[in-house]
């Protein structure tokens, strides 16, 4: 029964969008209606919270990868490159000041 509830919930709602409070509320509702036991409710909550966190992490990683891909295609200077140029400019300015 609990597996059917999980599958139904996971296919009906994006697991990444579920909050801990919403998951606990759903489990409490299932327990009150006698669809699952309290022990099954705890397992249900723990499992869905773990899946929700995994889904959020995977989604965040995908977003970060896409952003990095777009930025690399834009051919923008990285901060490290800008910092290296600043150092080069300082060296050149000091060299010019010593020549005067």
Protein backbone atom coordinates (compact mmCIF):
# COMPACT_ATOMS: atom_id res chain seq x y z
CA UNK A 1 0.00 0.00 0.00
CA UNK A 2 2.74 2.45 0.93
CA UNK A 3 4.57 1.78 -2.35
CA UNK A 4 1.42 2.55 -4.31
CA UNK A 5 1.00 5.81 -2.38
CA UNK A 6 4.62 6.78 -3.05
CA UNK A 7 4.38 6.01 -6.76
CA UNK A 8 1.13 7.92 -7.08
CA UNK A 9 2.54 10.91 -5.24
CA UNK A 10 5.83 10.87 -7.12
CA UNK A 11 4.13 10.76 -10.51
CA UNK A 12 1.46 13.30 -9.59
CA UNK A 13 3.66 15.92 -7.98
CA UNK A 14 7.26 16.85 -8.62
CA UNK A 15 9.06 15.41 -5.64
CA UNK A 16 11.55 18.29 -5.68
CA UNK A 17 8.71 20.72 -5.02
CA UNK A 18 7.56 18.96 -1.87
CA UNK A 19 8.42 20.58 1.42
CA UNK A 20 9.04 18.67 4.62
CA UNK A 21 5.88 20.15 6.10
CA UNK A 22 3.75 19.08 3.13
CA UNK A 23 5.19 15.56 3.22
CA UNK A 24 4.48 15.28 6.96
CA UNK A 25 0.97 16.62 6.41
CA UNK A 26 0.31 14.00 3.71
CA UNK A 27 1.60 11.18 5.92
CA UNK A 28 -0.49 12.36 8.87
CA UNK A 29 -3.55 12.43 6.63
CA UNK A 30 -2.87 8.88 5.40
CA UNK A 31 -2.39 7.64 8.98
CA UNK A 32 -5.60 9.36 10.16
CA UNK A 33 -7.56 7.79 7.31
CA UNK A 34 -6.14 4.39 8.21
CA UNK A 35 -4.42 3.92 4.85
CA UNK A 36 -1.03 3.39 6.48
CA UNK A 37 0.26 2.72 9.99
CA UNK A 38 2.23 5.23 12.02
CA UNK A 39 5.42 3.25 11.38
CA UNK A 40 4.70 3.24 7.63
CA UNK A 41 3.99 6.96 7.88
CA UNK A 42 7.42 7.61 9.39
CA UNK A 43 9.10 5.52 6.68
CA UNK A 44 7.02 7.34 4.07
CA UNK A 45 8.08 10.76 5.40
CA UNK A 46 11.76 9.84 5.67
CA UNK A 47 11.84 8.34 2.18
CA UNK A 48 10.05 11.24 0.50
CA UNK A 49 12.18 13.83 2.28
CA UNK A 50 15.33 12.07 1.09
CA UNK A 51 13.98 11.84 -2.47
CA UNK A 52 12.91 15.48 -2.38
CA UNK A 53 16.39 16.59 -1.32
CA UNK A 54 18.02 14.41 -3.98
CA UNK A 55 15.73 15.83 -6.65
CA UNK A 56 16.42 19.41 -5.58
CA UNK A 57 20.17 18.76 -5.59
CA UNK A 58 20.01 17.17 -9.04
CA UNK A 59 17.92 20.05 -10.37
CA UNK A 60 20.31 22.62 -8.92
CA UNK A 61 23.27 20.80 -10.47
CA UNK A 62 21.56 20.78 -13.87
CA UNK A 63 20.83 24.51 -13.63
CA UNK A 64 24.43 25.28 -12.66
CA UNK A 65 25.73 23.18 -15.57
CA UNK A 66 23.42 24.98 -18.04
CA UNK A 67 24.44 28.39 -16.72
CA UNK A 68 28.13 27.49 -17.04
CA UNK A 69 27.51 26.22 -20.58
CA UNK A 70 25.79 29.46 -21.59
CA UNK A 71 28.49 31.59 -19.98
CA UNK A 72 31.26 29.69 -21.74
CA UNK A 73 29.51 30.18 -25.08
CA UNK A 74 29.31 33.92 -24.42
CA UNK A 75 33.11 34.06 -24.32
CA UNK A 76 33.20 36.23 -21.19
CA UNK A 77 36.37 36.76 -19.20
CA UNK A 78 36.54 34.78 -15.99
CA UNK A 79 37.31 36.54 -12.73
CA UNK A 80 40.69 34.79 -12.55
CA UNK A 81 41.58 36.19 -15.99
CA UNK A 82 40.54 39.70 -14.97
CA UNK A 83 42.58 39.39 -11.77
CA UNK A 84 45.64 38.26 -13.77
CA UNK A 85 45.25 41.25 -16.08
CA UNK A 86 45.08 43.59 -13.07
CA UNK A 87 48.37 42.18 -11.80
CA UNK A 88 49.95 42.62 -15.26
CA UNK A 89 48.74 46.23 -15.38
CA UNK A 90 50.18 46.96 -11.95
CA UNK A 91 53.54 45.50 -13.02
CA UNK A 92 53.53 47.60 -16.20
CA UNK A 93 52.58 50.77 -14.28
CA UNK A 94 55.44 50.22 -11.83
CA UNK A 95 57.86 49.64 -14.71
CA UNK A 96 56.70 52.87 -16.40
CA UNK A 97 57.02 54.83 -13.16
CA UNK A 98 60.61 53.61 -12.67
CA UNK A 99 61.56 54.76 -16.16
CA UNK A 100 60.58 58.37 -15.37
